[in-house]
Amino acid sequence: MKNLFFILILLNSINASACDICGCGNGSSFFGILPQSHYKFGGIRFQNKTFESHASLPLLKTEENFQSIEPWLRLYPFPKTQLMILAPFQYGTQTVVSTNKQTKINGMGDVSAIMHYNIKNTFFDSTAHKLDQIWLIGGGIKLPTGKFDYTSDKSTVDNPNFQAGTGSLDFIINSIYTIRKNNWGFNTDLTYKINTTNKNQYKYANKSRLILNVFNQIAAKDFTFLPNAGVLSEYAKYDSEKGIKNNLTGGYMVNLMVGSEIYYKKITAGFSFQKPMKQNLSGGELKLTNSFMGHVTLLF
């Protein structure tokens, strides 16, 4: 059933950087499974990520929890072209394990917009195909709408990642290819994010990400379920401040992804869990423990 095909789009990698060592709540939005490629939609997403940092320093060891509530919207301003807009509100808590001291942040995050062009989309025609395919190529920007208030000589939270925004105008390049036969499908997604230097002379490292995902479509009366599983890998080099490299940043991780979408008429809801299989972030001092995303979305 062509009107039940779904595409996978992931962007804006989890920021694997720190100084002091810390998990990052900035620029972490990504798309999960998107419903019915010919429909516009709007909805709300929720994300939660937990980190452990300063792993080898008991007195400095911290736990970070980053959350975001994110309205998202998909429009079709031109033929074969989709526009995605995301506007997150960020909430973060950093807890020093030895003292239980907490620091919190909240506020508007960085708004992102990305546009994709349909190089190939067999679901936009009425011809029967043995294999259905979508290939999207696109690019976008992340605006510095979130607050960034960091200098390395501050006596308060000395952490460029513990911010509502990055303070920089950043660019996204993305290619997504999805293929489906009957009720089974496979997706590959490649994203590269180019970060610029912000007004505080801090530059987050550029990041690359590859995602491989398998999904299956299951119909049950008026409901459709789309369980899916895959692997997400990310890599970033070092951040820099005033041109000086920060060696306590960068690294890689490989995560297992498991989730499902639930569809009822023009209402869809979904969730996705990530669990690290292998990681080396900030020289081993930063560890992602869990990541969760959920959404409720209305098609129109």
C-alpha atoms as a PDB file:
ATOM      1  CA  MET A   1       0.000   0.000   0.000  1.00  0.00           C
ATOM      2  CA  LYS A   2       1.751   3.073  -1.283  1.00  0.00           C
ATOM      3  CA  ASN A   3       0.160   5.467   1.186  1.00  0.00           C
ATOM      4  CA  LEU A   4       1.781   3.570   4.054  1.00  0.00           C
ATOM      5  CA  PHE A   5       5.374   3.926   2.956  1.00  0.00           C
ATOM      6  CA  PHE A   6       7.723   5.710   5.292  1.00  0.00           C
ATOM      7  CA  ILE A   7      11.092   7.397   4.905  1.00  0.00           C
ATOM      8  CA  LEU A   8      13.899   7.694   7.411  1.00  0.00           C
ATOM      9  CA  ILE A   9      15.627  11.036   7.897  1.00  0.00           C
ATOM     10  CA  LEU A  10      18.232  11.675  10.603  1.00  0.00           C
ATOM     11  CA  LEU A  11      20.142  14.962  11.077  1.00  0.00           C
ATOM     12  CA  ASN A  12      22.152  16.923  13.596  1.00  0.00           C
ATOM     13  CA  SER A  13      24.308  14.449  15.381  1.00  0.00           C
ATOM     14  CA  ILE A  14      24.636  14.017  19.114  1.00  0.00           C
ATOM     15  CA  ASN A  15      27.426  16.370  20.072  1.00  0.00           C
ATOM     16  CA  ALA A  16      30.275  14.254  21.442  1.00  0.00           C
ATOM     17  CA  SER A  17      32.376  17.065  22.854  1.00  0.00           C
ATOM     18  CA  ALA A  18      33.269  18.726  26.143  1.00  0.00           C
ATOM     19  CA  CYS A  19      35.487  21.179  28.081  1.00  0.00           C
ATOM     20  CA  ASP A  20      35.290  20.482  31.060  1.00  0.00           C
ATOM     21  CA  ILE A  21      34.112  17.003  30.046  1.00  0.00           C
ATOM     22  CA  CYS A  22      30.352  16.922  29.651  1.00  0.00           C
ATOM     23  CA  GLY A  23      27.555  15.572  27.541  1.00  0.00           C
ATOM     24  CA  CYS A  24      25.993  18.057  25.159  1.00  0.00           C
ATOM     25  CA  GLY A  25      22.394  19.089  24.757  1.00  0.00           C
ATOM     26  CA  ASN A  26      23.093  21.326  21.766  1.00  0.00           C
ATOM     27  CA  GLY A  27      22.409  20.444  18.146  1.00  0.00           C
ATOM     28  CA  SER A  28      21.185  16.981  19.037  1.00  0.00           C
ATOM     29  CA  SER A  29      17.914  16.826  17.149  1.00  0.00           C
ATOM     30  CA  PHE A  30      17.462  14.047  14.632  1.00  0.00           C
ATOM     31  CA  PHE A  31      14.564  12.752  12.602  1.00  0.00           C
ATOM     32  CA  GLY A  32      13.165   9.323  13.236  1.00  0.00           C
ATOM     33  CA  ILE A  33      10.816   7.557  10.855  1.00  0.00           C
ATOM     34  CA  LEU A  34       8.634  10.026   8.989  1.00  0.00           C
ATOM     35  CA  PRO A  35       5.153   9.062   7.778  1.00  0.00           C
ATOM     36  CA  GLN A  36       3.709   9.073   4.264  1.00  0.00           C
ATOM     37  CA  SER A  37       6.087  11.001   2.067  1.00  0.00           C
ATOM     38  CA  HIS A  38       3.298  12.749   0.124  1.00  0.00           C
ATOM     39  CA  TYR A  39       1.697  14.370   3.209  1.00  0.00           C
ATOM     40  CA  LYS A  40       2.523  17.576   5.053  1.00  0.00           C
ATOM     41  CA  PHE A  41       2.567  17.251   8.826  1.00  0.00           C
ATOM     42  CA  GLY A  42       3.052  19.037  12.142  1.00  0.00           C
ATOM     43  CA  GLY A  43       3.613  17.717  15.626  1.00  0.00           C
ATOM     44  CA  ILE A  44       5.606  17.638  18.848  1.00  0.00           C
ATOM     45  CA  ARG A  45       8.706  15.588  19.625  1.00  0.00           C
ATOM     46  CA  PHE A  46      10.329  14.825  22.964  1.00  0.00           C
ATOM     47  CA  GLN A  47      13.962  13.801  23.446  1.00  0.00           C
ATOM     48  CA  ASN A  48      15.891  12.692  26.520  1.00  0.00           C
ATOM     49  CA  LYS A  49      19.609  11.856  26.738  1.00  0.00           C
ATOM     50  CA  THR A  50      21.735  10.908  29.750  1.00  0.00           C
ATOM     51  CA  PHE A  51      25.518  11.062  30.057  1.00  0.00           C
ATOM     52  CA  GLU A  52      28.242  10.325  32.574  1.00  0.00           C
ATOM     53  CA  SER A  53      31.290  12.585  32.487  1.00  0.00           C
ATOM     54  CA  HIS A  54      34.702  12.896  34.205  1.00  0.00           C
ATOM     55  CA  ALA A  55      34.551   9.124  34.473  1.00  0.00           C
ATOM     56  CA  SER A  56      38.113   8.756  35.884  1.00  0.00           C
ATOM     57  CA  LEU A  57      37.840  11.647  38.397  1.00  0.00           C
ATOM     58  CA  PRO A  58      35.576  10.724  41.352  1.00  0.00           C
ATOM     59  CA  LEU A  59      35.447  14.266  42.782  1.00  0.00           C
ATOM     60  CA  LEU A  60      34.454  15.782  39.425  1.00  0.00           C
ATOM     61  CA  LYS A  61      32.257  12.989  38.115  1.00  0.00           C
ATOM     62  CA  THR A  62      28.919  14.323  36.906  1.00  0.00           C
ATOM     63  CA  GLU A  63      25.663  13.028  35.510  1.00  0.00           C
ATOM     64  CA  GLU A  64      23.939  15.051  32.793  1.00  0.00           C
ATOM     65  CA  ASN A  65      20.371  14.818  31.633  1.00  0.00           C
ATOM     66  CA  PHE A  66      19.323  16.719  28.512  1.00  0.00           C
ATOM     67  CA  GLN A  67      15.720  17.040  27.390  1.00  0.00           C
ATOM     68  CA  SER A  68      14.017  18.897  24.578  1.00  0.00           C
ATOM     69  CA  ILE A  69      10.429  19.576  23.549  1.00  0.00           C
ATOM     70  CA  GLU A  70      10.418  20.250  19.851  1.00  0.00           C
ATOM     71  CA  PRO A  71       7.645  21.355  17.493  1.00  0.00           C
ATOM     72  CA  TRP A  72       8.344  20.076  13.980  1.00  0.00           C
ATOM     73  CA  LEU A  73       6.775  20.760  10.606  1.00  0.00           C
ATOM     74  CA  ARG A  74       7.037  19.365   7.075  1.00  0.00           C
ATOM     75  CA  LEU A  75       5.901  21.393   4.055  1.00  0.00           C
ATOM     76  CA  TYR A  76       6.165  21.044   0.266  1.00  0.00           C
ATOM     77  CA  PRO A  77       6.978  24.561  -1.022  1.00  0.00           C
ATOM     78  CA  PHE A  78       8.042  23.295  -4.471  1.00  0.00           C
ATOM     79  CA  PRO A  79       7.355  20.152  -6.549  1.00  0.00           C
ATOM     80  CA  LYS A  80       9.384  17.151  -5.342  1.00  0.00           C
ATOM     81  CA  THR A  81      10.870  19.291  -2.565  1.00  0.00           C
ATOM     82  CA  GLN A  82      10.194  18.954   1.149  1.00  0.00           C
ATOM     83  CA  LEU A  83      11.081  21.473   3.865  1.00  0.00           C
ATOM     84  CA  MET A  84      11.573  20.378   7.483  1.00  0.00           C
ATOM     85  CA  ILE A  85      11.554  22.937  10.320  1.00  0.00           C
ATOM     86  CA  LEU A  86      12.408  22.167  13.969  1.00  0.00           C
ATOM     87  CA  ALA A  87      12.295  24.594  16.908  1.00  0.00           C
ATOM     88  CA  PRO A  88      13.462  22.948  20.172  1.00  0.00           C
ATOM     89  CA  PHE A  89      13.082  24.115  23.757  1.00  0.00           C
ATOM     90  CA  GLN A  90      16.029  22.807  25.798  1.00  0.00           C
ATOM     91  CA  TYR A  91      16.176  21.650  29.415  1.00  0.00           C
ATOM     92  CA  GLY A  92      19.350  20.370  31.075  1.00  0.00           C
ATOM     93  CA  THR A  93      20.483  19.269  34.532  1.00  0.00           C
ATOM     94  CA  GLN A  94      24.088  18.635  35.550  1.00  0.00           C
ATOM     95  CA  THR A  95      24.618  16.840  38.888  1.00  0.00           C
ATOM     96  CA  VAL A  96      28.004  16.487  40.633  1.00  0.00           C
ATOM     97  CA  VAL A  97      27.865  12.950  42.032  1.00  0.00           C
ATOM     98  CA  SER A  98      30.117  13.567  45.074  1.00  0.00           C
ATOM     99  CA  THR A  99      28.186  16.613  46.355  1.00  0.00           C
ATOM    100  CA  ASN A 100      24.795  16.229  44.651  1.00  0.00           C
ATOM    101  CA  LYS A 101      25.122  19.865  43.524  1.00  0.00           C
ATOM    102  CA  GLN A 102      22.934  20.630  40.530  1.00  0.00           C
ATOM    103  CA  THR A 103      23.123  23.216  37.761  1.00  0.00           C
ATOM    104  CA  LYS A 104      20.232  23.718  35.371  1.00  0.00           C
ATOM    105  CA  ILE A 105      19.646  25.378  32.025  1.00  0.00           C
ATOM    106  CA  ASN A 106      16.479  25.949  30.001  1.00  0.00           C
ATOM    107  CA  GLY A 107      15.329  28.048  27.094  1.00  0.00           C
ATOM    108  CA  MET A 108      14.833  28.240  23.364  1.00  0.00           C
ATOM    109  CA  GLY A 109      17.272  26.089  21.413  1.00  0.00           C
ATOM    110  CA  ASP A 110      18.658  26.485  17.901  1.00  0.00           C
ATOM    111  CA  VAL A 111      16.051  26.410  15.125  1.00  0.00           C
ATOM    112  CA  SER A 112      16.912  24.143  12.181  1.00  0.00           C
ATOM    113  CA  ALA A 113      15.589  23.968   8.631  1.00  0.00           C
ATOM    114  CA  ILE A 114      16.538  21.461   5.946  1.00  0.00           C
ATOM    115  CA  MET A 115      15.247  21.055   2.401  1.00  0.00           C
ATOM    116  CA  HIS A 116      15.348  17.783   0.423  1.00  0.00           C
ATOM    117  CA  TYR A 117      14.829  17.210  -3.270  1.00  0.00           C
ATOM    118  CA  ASN A 118      13.381  13.901  -4.515  1.00  0.00           C
ATOM    119  CA  ILE A 119      15.981  12.555  -6.939  1.00  0.00           C
ATOM    120  CA  LYS A 120      13.925   9.364  -7.161  1.00  0.00           C
ATOM    121  CA  ASN A 121      10.555   8.578  -5.594  1.00  0.00           C
ATOM    122  CA  THR A 122       8.476   5.712  -6.995  1.00  0.00           C
ATOM    123  CA  PHE A 123       5.641   6.580  -4.601  1.00  0.00           C
ATOM    124  CA  PHE A 124       4.881   9.784  -6.472  1.00  0.00           C
ATOM    125  CA  ASP A 125       3.673   7.874  -9.565  1.00  0.00           C
ATOM    126  CA  SER A 126       0.907   5.342 -10.201  1.00  0.00           C
ATOM    127  CA  THR A 127       3.087   2.656 -11.795  1.00  0.00           C
ATOM    128  CA  ALA A 128       3.529  -0.676 -10.002  1.00  0.00           C
ATOM    129  CA  HIS A 129       7.124  -1.427  -8.996  1.00  0.00           C
ATOM    130  CA  LYS A 130       8.749  -4.604  -7.723  1.00  0.00           C
ATOM    131  CA  LEU A 131      10.991  -2.436  -5.567  1.00  0.00           C
ATOM    132  CA  ASP A 132       9.866   0.935  -4.231  1.00  0.00           C
ATOM    133  CA  GLN A 133      12.569   3.541  -3.675  1.00  0.00           C
ATOM    134  CA  ILE A 134      13.136   7.062  -2.407  1.00  0.00           C
ATOM    135  CA  TRP A 135      16.427   8.945  -2.772  1.00  0.00           C
ATOM    136  CA  LEU A 136      16.572  12.387  -1.192  1.00  0.00           C
ATOM    137  CA  ILE A 137      19.458  14.852  -1.300  1.00  0.00           C
ATOM    138  CA  GLY A 138      19.360  18.044   0.693  1.00  0.00           C
ATOM    139  CA  GLY A 139      20.940  20.670   2.838  1.00  0.00           C
ATOM    140  CA  GLY A 140      19.986  23.138   5.502  1.00  0.00           C
ATOM    141  CA  ILE A 141      20.995  25.483   8.277  1.00  0.00           C
ATOM    142  CA  LYS A 142      20.892  25.686  12.058  1.00  0.00           C
ATOM    143  CA  LEU A 143      20.312  29.232  13.302  1.00  0.00           C
ATOM    144  CA  PRO A 144      21.924  30.628  16.510  1.00  0.00           C
ATOM    145  CA  THR A 145      18.561  31.265  18.193  1.00  0.00           C
ATOM    146  CA  GLY A 146      19.481  29.516  21.458  1.00  0.00           C
ATOM    147  CA  LYS A 147      21.436  31.265  24.212  1.00  0.00           C
ATOM    148  CA  PHE A 148      25.198  30.651  24.302  1.00  0.00           C
ATOM    149  CA  ASP A 149      26.890  32.266  27.310  1.00  0.00           C
ATOM    150  CA  TYR A 150      30.322  30.728  27.774  1.00  0.00           C
ATOM    151  CA  THR A 151      33.850  32.002  28.284  1.00  0.00           C
ATOM    152  CA  SER A 152      36.652  29.809  29.603  1.00  0.00           C
ATOM    153  CA  ASP A 153      37.502  32.247  32.423  1.00  0.00           C
ATOM    154  CA  LYS A 154      34.040  32.161  34.019  1.00  0.00           C
ATOM    155  CA  SER A 155      33.822  30.941  37.623  1.00  0.00           C
ATOM    156  CA  THR A 156      30.424  29.341  36.991  1.00  0.00           C
ATOM    157  CA  VAL A 157      29.709  26.308  34.824  1.00  0.00           C
ATOM    158  CA  ASP A 158      32.923  26.145  32.778  1.00  0.00           C
ATOM    159  CA  ASN A 159      31.384  24.182  29.958  1.00  0.00           C
ATOM    160  CA  PRO A 160      30.695  25.231  26.348  1.00  0.00           C
ATOM    161  CA  ASN A 161      28.279  22.330  25.909  1.00  0.00           C
ATOM    162  CA  PHE A 162      26.044  23.147  28.861  1.00  0.00           C
ATOM    163  CA  GLN A 163      24.168  25.761  26.845  1.00  0.00           C
ATOM    164  CA  ALA A 164      20.730  26.131  25.276  1.00  0.00           C
ATOM    165  CA  GLY A 165      22.349  26.865  21.892  1.00  0.00           C
ATOM    166  CA  THR A 166      25.712  26.830  20.143  1.00  0.00           C
ATOM    167  CA  GLY A 167      25.806  30.516  19.210  1.00  0.00           C
ATOM    168  CA  SER A 168      26.881  29.643  15.672  1.00  0.00           C
ATOM    169  CA  LEU A 169      25.330  29.456  12.220  1.00  0.00           C
ATOM    170  CA  ASP A 170      25.841  25.857  11.080  1.00  0.00           C
ATOM    171  CA  PHE A 171      25.210  23.951   7.849  1.00  0.00           C
ATOM    172  CA  ILE A 172      23.857  20.472   7.142  1.00  0.00           C
ATOM    173  CA  ILE A 173      24.423  18.186   4.135  1.00  0.00           C
ATOM    174  CA  ASN A 174      22.272  15.070   3.927  1.00  0.00           C
ATOM    175  CA  SER A 175      21.591  12.105   1.628  1.00  0.00           C
ATOM    176  CA  ILE A 176      18.926   9.473   2.327  1.00  0.00           C
ATOM    177  CA  TYR A 177      18.185   6.363   0.318  1.00  0.00           C
ATOM    178  CA  THR A 178      15.318   4.011   1.229  1.00  0.00           C
ATOM    179  CA  ILE A 179      14.217   0.842  -0.563  1.00  0.00           C
ATOM    180  CA  ARG A 180      11.231  -1.418   0.176  1.00  0.00           C
ATOM    181  CA  LYS A 181       9.975  -4.753  -1.141  1.00  0.00           C
ATOM    182  CA  ASN A 182       6.534  -5.794   0.065  1.00  0.00           C
ATOM    183  CA  ASN A 183       6.480  -5.033   3.808  1.00  0.00           C
ATOM    184  CA  TRP A 184      10.242  -5.008   4.423  1.00  0.00           C
ATOM    185  CA  GLY A 185      12.530  -2.055   3.884  1.00  0.00           C
ATOM    186  CA  PHE A 186      16.085  -0.849   4.332  1.00  0.00           C
ATOM    187  CA  ASN A 187      17.412   2.682   4.788  1.00  0.00           C
ATOM    188  CA  THR A 188      20.809   4.361   4.625  1.00  0.00           C
ATOM    189  CA  ASP A 189      21.315   7.922   5.832  1.00  0.00           C
ATOM    190  CA  LEU A 190      24.506   9.979   5.611  1.00  0.00           C
ATOM    191  CA  THR A 191      24.780  13.404   7.261  1.00  0.00           C
ATOM    192  CA  TYR A 192      27.640  15.883   7.549  1.00  0.00           C
ATOM    193  CA  LYS A 193      27.304  18.963   9.767  1.00  0.00           C
ATOM    194  CA  ILE A 194      29.595  21.959   9.242  1.00  0.00           C
ATOM    195  CA  ASN A 195      29.924  24.245  12.276  1.00  0.00           C
ATOM    196  CA  THR A 196      31.172  27.819  12.196  1.00  0.00           C
ATOM    197  CA  THR A 197      32.897  29.893  14.894  1.00  0.00           C
ATOM    198  CA  ASN A 198      30.503  31.783  17.170  1.00  0.00           C
ATOM    199  CA  LYS A 199      30.908  35.316  18.550  1.00  0.00           C
ATOM    200  CA  ASN A 200      32.683  33.910  21.637  1.00  0.00           C
ATOM    201  CA  GLN A 201      35.364  32.503  19.299  1.00  0.00           C
ATOM    202  CA  TYR A 202      34.311  28.943  20.102  1.00  0.00           C
ATOM    203  CA  LYS A 203      33.950  26.418  17.279  1.00  0.00           C
ATOM    204  CA  TYR A 204      32.299  23.046  17.717  1.00  0.00           C
ATOM    205  CA  ALA A 205      33.877  20.308  15.607  1.00  0.00           C
ATOM    206  CA  ASN A 206      32.293  19.259  12.319  1.00  0.00           C
ATOM    207  CA  LYS A 207      30.446  15.961  12.622  1.00  0.00           C
ATOM    208  CA  SER A 208      29.601  13.033  10.362  1.00  0.00           C
ATOM    209  CA  ARG A 209      26.986  10.351  10.863  1.00  0.00           C
ATOM    210  CA  LEU A 210      25.927   7.139   9.130  1.00  0.00           C
ATOM    211  CA  ILE A 211      22.701   5.271   9.870  1.00  0.00           C
ATOM    212  CA  LEU A 212      21.604   1.832   8.668  1.00  0.00           C
ATOM    213  CA  ASN A 213      18.059   0.771   9.508  1.00  0.00           C
ATOM    214  CA  VAL A 214      15.692  -2.136   8.729  1.00  0.00           C
ATOM    215  CA  PHE A 215      11.917  -1.836   9.126  1.00  0.00           C
ATOM    216  CA  ASN A 216       8.795  -3.962   8.712  1.00  0.00           C
ATOM    217  CA  GLN A 217       5.200  -2.848   8.114  1.00  0.00           C
ATOM    218  CA  ILE A 218       2.429  -4.656  10.046  1.00  0.00           C
ATOM    219  CA  ALA A 219      -1.265  -3.865   9.508  1.00  0.00           C
ATOM    220  CA  ALA A 220      -3.931  -4.534  12.180  1.00  0.00           C
ATOM    221  CA  LYS A 221      -7.416  -3.235  11.269  1.00  0.00           C
ATOM    222  CA  ASP A 222      -7.266   0.584  11.392  1.00  0.00           C
ATOM    223  CA  PHE A 223      -3.744   0.596  12.823  1.00  0.00           C
ATOM    224  CA  THR A 224      -0.382   0.172  11.157  1.00  0.00           C
ATOM    225  CA  PHE A 225       2.795  -0.646  13.095  1.00  0.00           C
ATOM    226  CA  LEU A 226       6.313  -0.086  11.852  1.00  0.00           C
ATOM    227  CA  PRO A 227       8.898  -1.764  14.123  1.00  0.00           C
ATOM    228  CA  ASN A 228      12.468  -0.941  13.168  1.00  0.00           C
ATOM    229  CA  ALA A 229      16.043  -1.611  14.256  1.00  0.00           C
ATOM    230  CA  GLY A 230      19.409  -0.357  13.138  1.00  0.00           C
ATOM    231  CA  VAL A 231      22.818   1.095  13.890  1.00  0.00           C
ATOM    232  CA  LEU A 232      23.895   4.724  14.219  1.00  0.00           C
ATOM    233  CA  SER A 233      27.560   5.729  14.054  1.00  0.00           C
ATOM    234  CA  GLU A 234      28.956   9.231  14.671  1.00  0.00           C
ATOM    235  CA  TYR A 235      32.381  10.844  14.535  1.00  0.00           C
ATOM    236  CA  ALA A 236      33.719  14.291  15.419  1.00  0.00           C
ATOM    237  CA  LYS A 237      37.231  15.756  15.683  1.00  0.00           C
ATOM    238  CA  TYR A 238      38.232  18.414  18.232  1.00  0.00           C
ATOM    239  CA  ASP A 239      36.496  21.649  19.200  1.00  0.00           C
ATOM    240  CA  SER A 240      38.580  24.823  19.292  1.00  0.00           C
ATOM    241  CA  GLU A 241      38.497  28.133  21.172  1.00  0.00           C
ATOM    242  CA  LYS A 242      40.259  31.171  19.685  1.00  0.00           C
ATOM    243  CA  GLY A 243      41.943  28.789  17.278  1.00  0.00           C
ATOM    244  CA  ILE A 244      43.349  26.541  20.037  1.00  0.00           C
ATOM    245  CA  LYS A 245      42.406  22.858  19.814  1.00  0.00           C
ATOM    246  CA  ASN A 246      40.645  21.310  22.800  1.00  0.00           C
ATOM    247  CA  ASN A 247      42.009  17.774  23.256  1.00  0.00           C
ATOM    248  CA  LEU A 248      39.220  16.895  25.702  1.00  0.00           C
ATOM    249  CA  THR A 249      36.623  16.837  22.927  1.00  0.00           C
ATOM    250  CA  GLY A 250      35.710  14.741  19.910  1.00  0.00           C
ATOM    251  CA  GLY A 251      35.502  11.004  19.457  1.00  0.00           C
ATOM    252  CA  TYR A 252      33.145   8.374  18.083  1.00  0.00           C
ATOM    253  CA  MET A 253      30.284   6.125  19.090  1.00  0.00           C
ATOM    254  CA  VAL A 254      28.227   3.303  17.595  1.00  0.00           C
ATOM    255  CA  ASN A 255      24.680   2.913  18.924  1.00  0.00           C
ATOM    256  CA  LEU A 256      22.021   0.256  18.557  1.00  0.00           C
ATOM    257  CA  MET A 257      18.655   1.779  17.616  1.00  0.00           C
ATOM    258  CA  VAL A 258      15.288   0.125  18.289  1.00  0.00           C
ATOM    259  CA  GLY A 259      11.864   1.690  17.871  1.00  0.00           C
ATOM    260  CA  SER A 260       8.400   1.589  16.365  1.00  0.00           C
ATOM    261  CA  GLU A 261       5.814   3.847  14.762  1.00  0.00           C
ATOM    262  CA  ILE A 262       2.054   3.530  15.275  1.00  0.00           C
ATOM    263  CA  TYR A 263      -0.384   4.956  12.685  1.00  0.00           C
ATOM    264  CA  TYR A 264      -4.116   5.545  12.974  1.00  0.00           C
ATOM    265  CA  LYS A 265      -5.749   7.374  10.082  1.00  0.00           C
ATOM    266  CA  LYS A 266      -3.959  10.766  10.011  1.00  0.00           C
ATOM    267  CA  ILE A 267      -2.479  10.497  13.487  1.00  0.00           C
ATOM    268  CA  THR A 268       0.928   8.958  14.103  1.00  0.00           C
ATOM    269  CA  ALA A 269       2.999   8.368  17.231  1.00  0.00           C
ATOM    270  CA  GLY A 270       6.378   6.770  17.641  1.00  0.00           C
ATOM    271  CA  PHE A 271       9.425   6.147  19.793  1.00  0.00           C
ATOM    272  CA  SER A 272      13.080   5.232  19.414  1.00  0.00           C
ATOM    273  CA  PHE A 273      15.698   4.038  21.918  1.00  0.00           C
ATOM    274  CA  GLN A 274      19.464   4.222  21.475  1.00  0.00           C
ATOM    275  CA  LYS A 275      21.980   2.200  23.469  1.00  0.00           C
ATOM    276  CA  PRO A 276      25.747   2.520  22.906  1.00  0.00           C
ATOM    277  CA  MET A 277      27.522  -0.592  21.641  1.00  0.00           C
ATOM    278  CA  LYS A 278      30.938   1.077  21.393  1.00  0.00           C
ATOM    279  CA  GLN A 279      32.109   4.590  22.187  1.00  0.00           C
ATOM    280  CA  ASN A 280      35.208   6.662  22.852  1.00  0.00           C
ATOM    281  CA  LEU A 281      34.133  10.224  23.562  1.00  0.00           C
ATOM    282  CA  SER A 282      36.424  12.920  24.947  1.00  0.00           C
ATOM    283  CA  GLY A 283      39.238  10.446  25.498  1.00  0.00           C
ATOM    284  CA  GLY A 284      36.940   8.057  27.354  1.00  0.00           C
ATOM    285  CA  GLU A 285      35.864  10.648  29.941  1.00  0.00           C
ATOM    286  CA  LEU A 286      32.380  11.067  28.480  1.00  0.00           C
ATOM    287  CA  LYS A 287      29.852   8.241  28.168  1.00  0.00           C
ATOM    288  CA  LEU A 288      26.377   8.248  26.696  1.00  0.00           C
ATOM    289  CA  THR A 289      24.208   5.913  28.752  1.00  0.00           C
ATOM    290  CA  ASN A 290      20.769   6.173  27.131  1.00  0.00           C
ATOM    291  CA  SER A 291      18.867   8.146  24.508  1.00  0.00           C
ATOM    292  CA  PHE A 292      15.119   8.215  23.869  1.00  0.00           C
ATOM    293  CA  MET A 293      12.898  10.065  21.404  1.00  0.00           C
ATOM    294  CA  GLY A 294       9.112  10.073  21.031  1.00  0.00           C
ATOM    295  CA  HIS A 295       6.594  12.069  19.019  1.00  0.00           C
ATOM    296  CA  VAL A 296       2.918  12.685  18.247  1.00  0.00           C
ATOM    297  CA  THR A 297       2.240  14.026  14.740  1.00  0.00           C
ATOM    298  CA  LEU A 298      -0.809  15.007  12.669  1.00  0.00           C
ATOM    299  CA  LEU A 299      -0.843  14.604   8.872  1.00  0.00           C
ATOM    300  CA  PHE A 300      -2.589  17.155   6.699  1.00  0.00           C
END
